[in-house]
């Protein structure tokens, strides 16, 4: 395309070789693990996905928890509040797409990590690296596996990220998975204080 048609565009392509993803289908989040819930939605609010992720003994486990059709900020907030019975260490969401939901959860007293564009860019690279290293295990959820090859990588500046606009379908479950892997890897467990 570039040399024959003289179309010079930002480099794009699938963000992850599917053999890497299929090879990491070893199981979802173990029972009782300290979980991180990640929430993402499509730009037009037609779908939303919630994933659970946890890091246990150096392995990051992830699985799909819920997929919603035509969600609203209220329905997403209510779902997250209902999931609080599992004692998550954090709720993670894109600050641009879900700022109202994050605000609602913070007002409810829940721990929320709001991802910036730089966080998402870093999350994409870190998730790729951890999957390639074989330290990610997933539950082989049908929706995530369906969306994974449709998520497209786009170079931005000196780095790259997964592009919603360039992807060939909805990638809400992929983005929730990526954010969950990132936060599970980078969040520090609070030490128990003894007085």
N, C-alpha and C. Protein backbone atom coordinates (compact mmCIF):
# COMPACT_ATOMS: atom_id res chain seq x y z
N UNK A 1 0.83 -1.19 0.00
CA UNK A 1 0.00 0.00 0.00
C UNK A 1 0.87 1.26 0.00
N UNK A 2 1.90 1.23 0.79
CA UNK A 2 2.73 2.42 0.91
C UNK A 2 3.50 2.71 -0.38
N UNK A 3 4.12 1.69 -0.97
CA UNK A 3 5.01 1.93 -2.10
C UNK A 3 4.30 1.88 -3.44
N UNK A 4 3.29 1.06 -3.59
CA UNK A 4 2.58 0.98 -4.86
C UNK A 4 1.55 2.08 -5.03
N UNK A 5 0.82 2.39 -3.96
CA UNK A 5 -0.24 3.40 -4.05
C UNK A 5 0.19 4.76 -3.51
N UNK A 6 1.40 4.83 -3.00
CA UNK A 6 1.95 6.07 -2.45
C UNK A 6 1.10 6.59 -1.29
N UNK A 7 0.54 5.65 -0.49
CA UNK A 7 -0.24 6.02 0.70
C UNK A 7 0.65 5.88 1.91
N UNK A 8 1.11 6.98 2.45
CA UNK A 8 1.94 6.95 3.64
C UNK A 8 1.06 7.25 4.84
N UNK A 9 0.83 6.24 5.64
CA UNK A 9 -0.04 6.37 6.80
C UNK A 9 0.72 5.92 8.03
N UNK A 10 0.18 6.25 9.19
CA UNK A 10 0.78 5.77 10.44
C UNK A 10 0.74 4.24 10.42
N UNK A 11 1.78 3.63 10.88
CA UNK A 11 1.88 2.18 10.86
C UNK A 11 0.78 1.55 11.71
N UNK A 12 0.09 0.59 11.13
CA UNK A 12 -0.99 -0.10 11.83
C UNK A 12 -0.89 -1.58 11.56
N UNK A 13 -1.36 -2.36 12.49
CA UNK A 13 -1.40 -3.80 12.34
C UNK A 13 -1.95 -4.41 13.61
N UNK A 14 -2.22 -5.71 13.59
CA UNK A 14 -2.72 -6.38 14.78
C UNK A 14 -1.74 -6.19 15.92
N UNK A 15 -2.22 -5.93 17.07
CA UNK A 15 -1.35 -5.58 18.20
C UNK A 15 -0.66 -6.79 18.82
N UNK A 16 -1.20 -7.99 18.60
CA UNK A 16 -0.67 -9.18 19.27
C UNK A 16 -0.81 -10.40 18.36
N UNK A 17 0.26 -11.16 18.17
CA UNK A 17 0.11 -12.42 17.42
C UNK A 17 -0.83 -13.36 18.18
N UNK A 18 -1.82 -13.89 17.50
CA UNK A 18 -2.83 -14.71 18.18
C UNK A 18 -2.26 -15.99 18.78
N UNK A 19 -1.15 -16.49 18.24
CA UNK A 19 -0.55 -17.68 18.85
C UNK A 19 -0.15 -17.41 20.29
N UNK A 20 0.28 -16.19 20.57
CA UNK A 20 0.63 -15.80 21.96
C UNK A 20 -0.61 -15.84 22.85
N UNK A 21 -1.72 -15.32 22.32
CA UNK A 21 -2.95 -15.28 23.12
C UNK A 21 -3.48 -16.70 23.36
N UNK A 22 -3.54 -17.51 22.30
CA UNK A 22 -4.03 -18.88 22.46
C UNK A 22 -3.15 -19.67 23.43
N UNK A 23 -1.86 -19.43 23.39
CA UNK A 23 -0.93 -20.15 24.26
C UNK A 23 -1.05 -19.78 25.73
N UNK A 24 -1.69 -18.66 26.03
CA UNK A 24 -1.82 -18.26 27.43
C UNK A 24 -3.18 -18.60 28.03
N UNK A 25 -3.96 -19.42 27.34
CA UNK A 25 -5.28 -19.84 27.85
C UNK A 25 -5.09 -20.98 28.85
N UNK A 26 -4.72 -20.61 30.08
CA UNK A 26 -4.43 -21.61 31.11
C UNK A 26 -5.38 -21.54 32.30
N UNK A 27 -6.35 -20.63 32.24
CA UNK A 27 -7.32 -20.53 33.33
C UNK A 27 -7.47 -19.11 33.83
N UNK A 28 -8.65 -18.85 34.41
CA UNK A 28 -8.96 -17.51 34.90
C UNK A 28 -8.46 -17.24 36.30
N UNK A 29 -9.02 -16.24 36.93
CA UNK A 29 -8.59 -15.77 38.24
C UNK A 29 -8.87 -16.83 39.31
N UNK A 30 -7.84 -17.21 40.09
CA UNK A 30 -8.06 -18.19 41.16
C UNK A 30 -9.01 -17.65 42.24
N UNK A 31 -9.74 -18.55 42.84
CA UNK A 31 -10.69 -18.18 43.90
C UNK A 31 -9.94 -17.52 45.05
N UNK A 32 -10.45 -16.41 45.53
CA UNK A 32 -9.88 -15.73 46.69
C UNK A 32 -8.71 -14.81 46.39
N UNK A 33 -8.32 -14.68 45.12
CA UNK A 33 -7.19 -13.80 44.76
C UNK A 33 -7.63 -12.34 44.87
N UNK A 34 -6.70 -11.43 45.23
CA UNK A 34 -7.04 -10.00 45.29
C UNK A 34 -7.26 -9.45 43.88
N UNK A 35 -8.49 -9.15 43.56
CA UNK A 35 -8.88 -8.87 42.18
C UNK A 35 -8.93 -7.38 41.87
N UNK A 36 -8.68 -7.07 40.59
CA UNK A 36 -8.84 -5.73 40.03
C UNK A 36 -9.94 -5.85 38.98
N UNK A 37 -10.98 -5.01 39.07
CA UNK A 37 -12.02 -4.99 38.06
C UNK A 37 -11.76 -3.85 37.09
N UNK A 38 -11.76 -4.16 35.79
CA UNK A 38 -11.53 -3.15 34.74
C UNK A 38 -12.80 -3.01 33.92
N UNK A 39 -13.12 -1.77 33.59
CA UNK A 39 -14.35 -1.48 32.86
C UNK A 39 -14.00 -0.69 31.59
N UNK A 40 -14.59 -1.07 30.48
CA UNK A 40 -14.42 -0.30 29.26
C UNK A 40 -15.71 -0.37 28.45
N UNK A 41 -15.89 0.61 27.57
CA UNK A 41 -17.09 0.66 26.74
C UNK A 41 -16.72 1.04 25.31
N UNK A 42 -17.66 0.81 24.41
CA UNK A 42 -17.46 1.26 23.03
C UNK A 42 -17.76 2.76 22.97
N UNK A 43 -17.19 3.47 21.99
CA UNK A 43 -17.41 4.92 21.92
C UNK A 43 -18.87 5.34 21.82
N UNK A 44 -19.69 4.52 21.17
CA UNK A 44 -21.10 4.90 20.99
C UNK A 44 -22.03 4.31 22.05
N UNK A 45 -21.46 3.76 23.13
CA UNK A 45 -22.23 3.19 24.24
C UNK A 45 -23.10 2.00 23.82
N UNK A 46 -22.68 1.23 22.81
CA UNK A 46 -23.47 0.06 22.43
C UNK A 46 -23.10 -1.16 23.26
N UNK A 47 -21.86 -1.24 23.72
CA UNK A 47 -21.41 -2.37 24.55
C UNK A 47 -20.46 -1.88 25.63
N UNK A 48 -20.36 -2.68 26.68
CA UNK A 48 -19.36 -2.45 27.72
C UNK A 48 -18.92 -3.81 28.25
N UNK A 49 -17.69 -3.86 28.74
CA UNK A 49 -17.15 -5.11 29.27
C UNK A 49 -16.49 -4.84 30.61
N UNK A 50 -16.58 -5.83 31.50
CA UNK A 50 -15.91 -5.78 32.79
C UNK A 50 -15.07 -7.04 32.91
N UNK A 51 -13.80 -6.87 33.24
CA UNK A 51 -12.91 -8.01 33.43
C UNK A 51 -12.37 -8.01 34.86
N UNK A 52 -11.95 -9.18 35.30
CA UNK A 52 -11.28 -9.32 36.59
C UNK A 52 -9.85 -9.78 36.31
N UNK A 53 -8.90 -9.21 37.04
CA UNK A 53 -7.49 -9.59 36.90
C UNK A 53 -6.88 -9.67 38.28
N UNK A 54 -5.87 -10.53 38.42
CA UNK A 54 -5.17 -10.65 39.69
C UNK A 54 -3.77 -11.21 39.43
N UNK A 55 -2.81 -10.74 40.20
CA UNK A 55 -1.46 -11.27 40.11
C UNK A 55 -1.22 -12.18 41.31
N UNK A 56 -0.92 -13.45 41.02
CA UNK A 56 -0.68 -14.44 42.06
C UNK A 56 0.60 -15.19 41.73
N UNK A 57 1.57 -15.14 42.61
CA UNK A 57 2.84 -15.85 42.44
C UNK A 57 3.51 -15.55 41.10
N UNK A 58 3.49 -14.29 40.70
CA UNK A 58 4.17 -13.88 39.48
C UNK A 58 3.38 -14.06 38.20
N UNK A 59 2.22 -14.69 38.27
CA UNK A 59 1.37 -14.87 37.09
C UNK A 59 0.17 -13.93 37.19
N UNK A 60 -0.15 -13.29 36.07
CA UNK A 60 -1.32 -12.40 36.03
C UNK A 60 -2.47 -13.17 35.39
N UNK A 61 -3.52 -13.35 36.16
CA UNK A 61 -4.70 -14.07 35.70
C UNK A 61 -5.78 -13.06 35.30
N UNK A 62 -6.52 -13.36 34.24
CA UNK A 62 -7.57 -12.45 33.80
C UNK A 62 -8.74 -13.23 33.21
N UNK A 63 -9.93 -12.68 33.36
CA UNK A 63 -11.12 -13.29 32.77
C UNK A 63 -12.23 -12.25 32.64
N UNK A 64 -13.15 -12.49 31.74
CA UNK A 64 -14.30 -11.63 31.53
C UNK A 64 -15.33 -11.88 32.64
N UNK A 65 -15.84 -10.80 33.22
CA UNK A 65 -16.84 -10.92 34.28
C UNK A 65 -18.24 -10.63 33.74
N UNK A 66 -18.34 -9.58 32.91
CA UNK A 66 -19.65 -9.19 32.38
C UNK A 66 -19.49 -8.48 31.04
N UNK A 67 -20.51 -8.63 30.21
CA UNK A 67 -20.62 -7.89 28.96
C UNK A 67 -22.02 -7.32 28.91
N UNK A 68 -22.12 -6.02 28.73
CA UNK A 68 -23.41 -5.35 28.74
C UNK A 68 -23.74 -4.81 27.35
N UNK A 69 -25.01 -4.87 26.98
CA UNK A 69 -25.50 -4.31 25.73
C UNK A 69 -26.23 -3.01 26.06
N UNK A 70 -25.92 -1.96 25.34
CA UNK A 70 -26.52 -0.63 25.56
C UNK A 70 -26.42 -0.19 27.02
N UNK A 71 -25.21 -0.17 27.58
CA UNK A 71 -25.08 0.24 28.98
C UNK A 71 -25.30 1.74 29.14
N UNK A 72 -25.51 2.14 30.37
CA UNK A 72 -25.57 3.55 30.73
C UNK A 72 -24.55 3.77 31.84
N UNK A 73 -24.18 5.01 32.10
CA UNK A 73 -23.27 5.24 33.24
C UNK A 73 -23.85 4.69 34.55
N UNK A 74 -25.15 4.80 34.71
CA UNK A 74 -25.79 4.30 35.93
C UNK A 74 -25.71 2.78 36.02
N UNK A 75 -25.96 2.08 34.90
CA UNK A 75 -25.92 0.61 34.95
C UNK A 75 -24.50 0.11 35.20
N UNK A 76 -23.49 0.79 34.64
CA UNK A 76 -22.11 0.40 34.89
C UNK A 76 -21.72 0.65 36.34
N UNK A 77 -22.12 1.81 36.88
CA UNK A 77 -21.83 2.11 38.28
C UNK A 77 -22.51 1.10 39.20
N UNK A 78 -23.78 0.77 38.91
CA UNK A 78 -24.51 -0.20 39.74
C UNK A 78 -23.86 -1.57 39.69
N UNK A 79 -23.38 -1.98 38.51
CA UNK A 79 -22.70 -3.27 38.39
C UNK A 79 -21.42 -3.28 39.23
N UNK A 80 -20.66 -2.20 39.13
CA UNK A 80 -19.41 -2.11 39.91
C UNK A 80 -19.67 -2.13 41.40
N UNK A 81 -20.72 -1.44 41.82
CA UNK A 81 -21.09 -1.44 43.24
C UNK A 81 -21.49 -2.85 43.67
N UNK A 82 -22.23 -3.56 42.83
CA UNK A 82 -22.61 -4.95 43.15
C UNK A 82 -21.38 -5.84 43.24
N UNK A 83 -20.36 -5.58 42.40
CA UNK A 83 -19.13 -6.38 42.43
C UNK A 83 -18.25 -6.08 43.64
N UNK A 84 -18.55 -5.00 44.37
CA UNK A 84 -17.74 -4.65 45.52
C UNK A 84 -17.78 -5.70 46.62
N UNK A 85 -18.77 -6.60 46.57
CA UNK A 85 -18.84 -7.69 47.57
C UNK A 85 -17.65 -8.63 47.46
N UNK A 86 -16.93 -8.58 46.33
CA UNK A 86 -15.74 -9.42 46.14
C UNK A 86 -14.47 -8.77 46.68
N UNK A 87 -14.60 -7.56 47.22
CA UNK A 87 -13.47 -6.87 47.83
C UNK A 87 -12.32 -6.55 46.88
N UNK A 88 -12.61 -5.93 45.73
CA UNK A 88 -11.54 -5.64 44.78
C UNK A 88 -10.54 -4.63 45.35
N UNK A 89 -9.29 -4.75 44.92
CA UNK A 89 -8.30 -3.78 45.35
C UNK A 89 -8.46 -2.48 44.58
N UNK A 90 -8.99 -2.55 43.34
CA UNK A 90 -9.20 -1.35 42.53
C UNK A 90 -10.25 -1.61 41.46
N UNK A 91 -10.87 -0.51 41.01
CA UNK A 91 -11.65 -0.49 39.80
C UNK A 91 -10.84 0.36 38.82
N UNK A 92 -10.73 -0.08 37.57
CA UNK A 92 -9.91 0.62 36.58
C UNK A 92 -10.78 0.99 35.39
N UNK A 93 -10.62 2.23 34.93
CA UNK A 93 -11.37 2.66 33.75
C UNK A 93 -10.68 3.85 33.09
N UNK A 94 -10.97 4.02 31.82
CA UNK A 94 -10.43 5.12 31.03
C UNK A 94 -11.05 6.43 31.51
N UNK A 95 -10.21 7.39 31.85
CA UNK A 95 -10.69 8.66 32.36
C UNK A 95 -11.45 9.49 31.34
N UNK A 96 -11.18 9.28 30.07
CA UNK A 96 -11.88 10.04 29.03
C UNK A 96 -13.26 9.45 28.77
N UNK A 97 -13.33 8.11 28.69
CA UNK A 97 -14.58 7.44 28.32
C UNK A 97 -15.55 7.29 29.49
N UNK A 98 -15.03 7.08 30.69
CA UNK A 98 -15.89 6.72 31.82
C UNK A 98 -15.69 7.61 33.04
N UNK A 99 -15.45 8.89 32.82
CA UNK A 99 -15.18 9.78 33.96
C UNK A 99 -16.38 9.89 34.89
N UNK A 100 -17.61 9.85 34.36
CA UNK A 100 -18.80 9.95 35.21
C UNK A 100 -18.96 8.71 36.09
N UNK A 101 -18.66 7.55 35.53
CA UNK A 101 -18.73 6.31 36.31
C UNK A 101 -17.67 6.33 37.41
N UNK A 102 -16.46 6.75 37.07
CA UNK A 102 -15.38 6.83 38.06
C UNK A 102 -15.76 7.77 39.20
N UNK A 103 -16.34 8.91 38.84
CA UNK A 103 -16.76 9.89 39.85
C UNK A 103 -17.81 9.29 40.79
N UNK A 104 -18.75 8.56 40.22
CA UNK A 104 -19.81 7.93 41.01
C UNK A 104 -19.23 6.89 41.97
N UNK A 105 -18.30 6.08 41.49
CA UNK A 105 -17.71 5.04 42.34
C UNK A 105 -16.86 5.66 43.45
N UNK A 106 -16.13 6.73 43.12
CA UNK A 106 -15.35 7.43 44.16
C UNK A 106 -16.27 8.01 45.22
N UNK A 107 -17.41 8.56 44.80
CA UNK A 107 -18.37 9.11 45.76
C UNK A 107 -18.94 8.02 46.65
N UNK A 108 -19.01 6.82 46.12
CA UNK A 108 -19.51 5.67 46.89
C UNK A 108 -18.43 5.13 47.84
N UNK A 109 -17.21 5.61 47.68
CA UNK A 109 -16.11 5.19 48.57
C UNK A 109 -15.30 4.02 48.06
N UNK A 110 -15.39 3.72 46.77
CA UNK A 110 -14.66 2.59 46.20
C UNK A 110 -13.32 3.06 45.63
N UNK A 111 -12.29 2.20 45.67
CA UNK A 111 -10.97 2.58 45.13
C UNK A 111 -10.98 2.53 43.61
N UNK A 112 -10.72 3.67 42.97
CA UNK A 112 -10.80 3.78 41.51
C UNK A 112 -9.48 4.28 40.97
N UNK A 113 -8.98 3.62 39.93
CA UNK A 113 -7.81 4.08 39.18
C UNK A 113 -8.32 4.58 37.84
N UNK A 114 -8.14 5.87 37.59
CA UNK A 114 -8.56 6.48 36.33
C UNK A 114 -7.34 6.52 35.42
N UNK A 115 -7.45 5.87 34.28
CA UNK A 115 -6.35 5.77 33.33
C UNK A 115 -6.30 6.99 32.42
N UNK A 116 -5.10 7.56 32.26
CA UNK A 116 -4.87 8.64 31.31
C UNK A 116 -4.44 8.03 29.98
N UNK A 117 -4.30 8.85 28.95
CA UNK A 117 -3.83 8.36 27.66
C UNK A 117 -2.43 7.77 27.78
N UNK A 118 -1.57 8.40 28.57
CA UNK A 118 -0.22 7.85 28.79
C UNK A 118 -0.28 6.51 29.51
N UNK A 119 -1.19 6.37 30.48
CA UNK A 119 -1.35 5.09 31.18
C UNK A 119 -1.78 4.00 30.20
N UNK A 120 -2.73 4.34 29.31
CA UNK A 120 -3.22 3.34 28.35
C UNK A 120 -2.11 2.94 27.39
N UNK A 121 -1.31 3.90 26.94
CA UNK A 121 -0.19 3.60 26.05
C UNK A 121 0.81 2.66 26.75
N UNK A 122 1.13 2.96 27.99
CA UNK A 122 2.03 2.10 28.77
C UNK A 122 1.40 0.73 29.00
N UNK A 123 0.09 0.70 29.27
CA UNK A 123 -0.61 -0.56 29.51
C UNK A 123 -0.55 -1.47 28.30
N UNK A 124 -0.67 -0.91 27.10
CA UNK A 124 -0.62 -1.72 25.88
C UNK A 124 0.74 -2.40 25.75
N UNK A 125 1.81 -1.63 25.93
CA UNK A 125 3.16 -2.20 25.80
C UNK A 125 3.44 -3.23 26.90
N UNK A 126 3.04 -2.91 28.14
CA UNK A 126 3.29 -3.84 29.24
C UNK A 126 2.50 -5.13 29.06
N UNK A 127 1.24 -5.02 28.64
CA UNK A 127 0.42 -6.22 28.43
C UNK A 127 1.00 -7.10 27.33
N UNK A 128 1.44 -6.47 26.23
CA UNK A 128 2.08 -7.24 25.16
C UNK A 128 3.30 -7.99 25.70
N UNK A 129 4.13 -7.28 26.46
CA UNK A 129 5.35 -7.90 27.00
C UNK A 129 5.02 -9.06 27.93
N UNK A 130 4.05 -8.88 28.82
CA UNK A 130 3.72 -9.94 29.77
C UNK A 130 3.09 -11.15 29.07
N UNK A 131 2.26 -10.92 28.06
CA UNK A 131 1.69 -12.05 27.31
C UNK A 131 2.80 -12.77 26.56
N UNK A 132 3.71 -12.03 25.93
CA UNK A 132 4.82 -12.63 25.19
C UNK A 132 5.75 -13.41 26.10
N UNK A 133 5.91 -12.96 27.35
CA UNK A 133 6.77 -13.64 28.32
C UNK A 133 6.11 -14.88 28.91
N UNK A 134 4.82 -15.05 28.65
CA UNK A 134 4.11 -16.23 29.14
C UNK A 134 3.70 -16.14 30.60
N UNK A 135 3.58 -14.93 31.15
CA UNK A 135 3.18 -14.80 32.55
C UNK A 135 1.74 -14.33 32.70
N UNK A 136 0.96 -14.39 31.60
CA UNK A 136 -0.46 -14.07 31.66
C UNK A 136 -1.24 -15.35 31.41
N UNK A 137 -2.27 -15.56 32.21
CA UNK A 137 -3.15 -16.71 32.05
C UNK A 137 -4.59 -16.20 31.96
N UNK A 138 -5.31 -16.62 30.93
CA UNK A 138 -6.69 -16.17 30.77
C UNK A 138 -7.64 -17.34 30.64
N UNK A 139 -8.93 -17.05 30.81
CA UNK A 139 -9.96 -18.08 30.84
C UNK A 139 -10.48 -18.45 29.46
N UNK A 140 -9.86 -17.94 28.39
CA UNK A 140 -10.28 -18.22 27.01
C UNK A 140 -11.74 -17.84 26.79
N UNK A 141 -12.13 -16.68 27.33
CA UNK A 141 -13.49 -16.19 27.14
C UNK A 141 -13.73 -15.91 25.67
N UNK A 142 -14.88 -16.31 25.18
CA UNK A 142 -15.18 -16.22 23.76
C UNK A 142 -15.15 -14.78 23.25
N UNK A 143 -15.72 -13.83 24.02
CA UNK A 143 -15.77 -12.44 23.56
C UNK A 143 -14.37 -11.84 23.45
N UNK A 144 -13.54 -12.05 24.45
CA UNK A 144 -12.18 -11.49 24.43
C UNK A 144 -11.38 -12.10 23.28
N UNK A 145 -11.48 -13.41 23.12
CA UNK A 145 -10.75 -14.09 22.06
C UNK A 145 -11.25 -13.67 20.68
N UNK A 146 -12.54 -13.36 20.56
CA UNK A 146 -13.09 -12.88 19.29
C UNK A 146 -12.56 -11.48 18.97
N UNK A 147 -12.48 -10.61 19.97
CA UNK A 147 -12.05 -9.23 19.74
C UNK A 147 -10.54 -9.09 19.60
N UNK A 148 -9.77 -9.98 20.19
CA UNK A 148 -8.32 -9.82 20.26
C UNK A 148 -7.65 -9.61 18.88
N UNK A 149 -7.94 -10.43 17.84
CA UNK A 149 -7.26 -10.19 16.56
C UNK A 149 -7.77 -8.96 15.82
N UNK A 150 -8.88 -8.40 16.25
CA UNK A 150 -9.45 -7.22 15.61
C UNK A 150 -8.93 -5.92 16.20
N UNK A 151 -8.21 -6.02 17.31
CA UNK A 151 -7.61 -4.84 17.93
C UNK A 151 -6.34 -4.48 17.17
N UNK A 152 -6.26 -3.23 16.76
CA UNK A 152 -5.18 -2.79 15.87
C UNK A 152 -4.21 -1.88 16.61
N UNK A 153 -2.95 -2.11 16.36
CA UNK A 153 -1.86 -1.30 16.91
C UNK A 153 -1.65 -0.08 16.04
N UNK A 154 -1.44 1.07 16.67
CA UNK A 154 -1.16 2.29 15.93
C UNK A 154 0.01 3.01 16.58
N UNK A 155 1.01 3.36 15.77
CA UNK A 155 2.16 4.09 16.28
C UNK A 155 1.75 5.52 16.61
N UNK A 156 2.16 5.97 17.79
CA UNK A 156 1.90 7.35 18.22
C UNK A 156 3.18 7.88 18.86
N UNK A 157 3.71 8.94 18.27
CA UNK A 157 4.96 9.49 18.80
C UNK A 157 6.05 8.44 18.74
N UNK A 158 6.70 8.22 19.86
CA UNK A 158 7.78 7.23 19.94
C UNK A 158 7.29 5.87 20.39
N UNK A 159 6.00 5.77 20.71
CA UNK A 159 5.45 4.50 21.19
C UNK A 159 4.32 4.03 20.30
N UNK A 160 3.45 3.20 20.89
CA UNK A 160 2.28 2.70 20.17
C UNK A 160 1.20 2.40 21.19
N UNK A 161 0.00 2.27 20.71
CA UNK A 161 -1.12 1.86 21.56
C UNK A 161 -2.16 1.16 20.69
N UNK A 162 -3.13 0.55 21.32
CA UNK A 162 -4.24 -0.05 20.60
C UNK A 162 -5.20 1.08 20.23
N UNK A 163 -5.61 1.11 18.96
CA UNK A 163 -6.45 2.19 18.47
C UNK A 163 -7.89 1.72 18.30
N UNK A 164 -8.80 2.38 19.00
CA UNK A 164 -10.22 2.06 18.85
C UNK A 164 -10.71 2.40 17.44
N UNK A 165 -10.27 3.55 16.92
CA UNK A 165 -10.74 4.01 15.61
C UNK A 165 -10.26 3.10 14.48
N UNK A 166 -9.06 2.57 14.59
CA UNK A 166 -8.50 1.74 13.52
C UNK A 166 -8.91 0.28 13.63
N UNK A 167 -9.41 -0.14 14.77
CA UNK A 167 -9.78 -1.54 14.97
C UNK A 167 -11.02 -1.87 14.15
N UNK A 168 -11.12 -3.14 13.76
CA UNK A 168 -12.18 -3.54 12.83
C UNK A 168 -13.50 -3.88 13.50
N UNK A 169 -13.56 -3.84 14.82
CA UNK A 169 -14.82 -4.09 15.53
C UNK A 169 -14.70 -3.49 16.93
N UNK A 170 -15.70 -3.71 17.73
CA UNK A 170 -15.65 -3.27 19.12
C UNK A 170 -14.52 -3.99 19.85
N UNK A 171 -13.79 -3.27 20.69
CA UNK A 171 -12.67 -3.89 21.42
C UNK A 171 -12.74 -3.57 22.91
N UNK A 172 -13.95 -3.39 23.43
CA UNK A 172 -14.11 -3.05 24.84
C UNK A 172 -13.55 -4.12 25.76
N UNK A 173 -13.75 -5.39 25.43
CA UNK A 173 -13.23 -6.47 26.28
C UNK A 173 -11.70 -6.54 26.23
N UNK A 174 -11.12 -6.24 25.06
CA UNK A 174 -9.66 -6.23 24.94
C UNK A 174 -9.07 -5.11 25.79
N UNK A 175 -9.66 -3.91 25.69
CA UNK A 175 -9.14 -2.77 26.44
C UNK A 175 -9.30 -2.99 27.95
N UNK A 176 -10.40 -3.57 28.37
CA UNK A 176 -10.57 -3.88 29.79
C UNK A 176 -9.52 -4.88 30.25
N UNK A 177 -9.24 -5.88 29.42
CA UNK A 177 -8.21 -6.88 29.74
C UNK A 177 -6.84 -6.23 29.86
N UNK A 178 -6.50 -5.38 28.90
CA UNK A 178 -5.20 -4.71 28.89
C UNK A 178 -5.02 -3.83 30.13
N UNK A 179 -6.06 -3.05 30.47
CA UNK A 179 -5.97 -2.21 31.66
C UNK A 179 -5.85 -3.04 32.93
N UNK A 180 -6.57 -4.16 32.97
CA UNK A 180 -6.50 -5.04 34.13
C UNK A 180 -5.13 -5.67 34.31
N UNK A 181 -4.52 -6.10 33.22
CA UNK A 181 -3.16 -6.67 33.29
C UNK A 181 -2.19 -5.61 33.80
N UNK A 182 -2.29 -4.40 33.28
CA UNK A 182 -1.40 -3.31 33.66
C UNK A 182 -1.50 -3.00 35.16
N UNK A 183 -2.72 -2.81 35.64
CA UNK A 183 -2.89 -2.44 37.04
C UNK A 183 -2.53 -3.60 37.96
N UNK A 184 -2.85 -4.83 37.58
CA UNK A 184 -2.47 -5.99 38.39
C UNK A 184 -0.96 -6.10 38.52
N UNK A 185 -0.25 -5.76 37.46
CA UNK A 185 1.20 -5.82 37.46
C UNK A 185 1.83 -4.68 38.26
N UNK A 186 1.24 -3.50 38.21
CA UNK A 186 1.89 -2.33 38.80
C UNK A 186 1.39 -1.93 40.17
N UNK A 187 0.21 -2.39 40.59
CA UNK A 187 -0.33 -1.99 41.89
C UNK A 187 0.49 -2.66 43.00
N UNK A 188 0.77 -1.89 44.01
CA UNK A 188 1.51 -2.41 45.16
C UNK A 188 0.51 -2.82 46.23
N UNK A 189 0.71 -4.02 46.76
CA UNK A 189 -0.16 -4.46 47.84
C UNK A 189 0.19 -3.68 49.10
N UNK A 190 -0.85 -3.26 49.80
CA UNK A 190 -0.63 -2.53 51.05
C UNK A 190 -0.15 -3.50 52.11
N UNK A 191 0.91 -3.12 52.79
CA UNK A 191 1.44 -3.94 53.86
C UNK A 191 0.51 -3.85 55.09
N UNK A 192 0.41 -4.93 55.80
CA UNK A 192 -0.39 -4.94 57.02
C UNK A 192 0.38 -4.17 58.08
N UNK A 193 -0.29 -3.21 58.68
CA UNK A 193 0.34 -2.41 59.72
C UNK A 193 0.04 -3.01 61.08
N UNK A 194 1.08 -3.19 61.83
CA UNK A 194 0.94 -3.74 63.19
C UNK A 194 1.37 -2.67 64.17
N UNK A 195 0.52 -2.39 65.11
CA UNK A 195 0.83 -1.36 66.10
C UNK A 195 1.05 -1.98 67.47
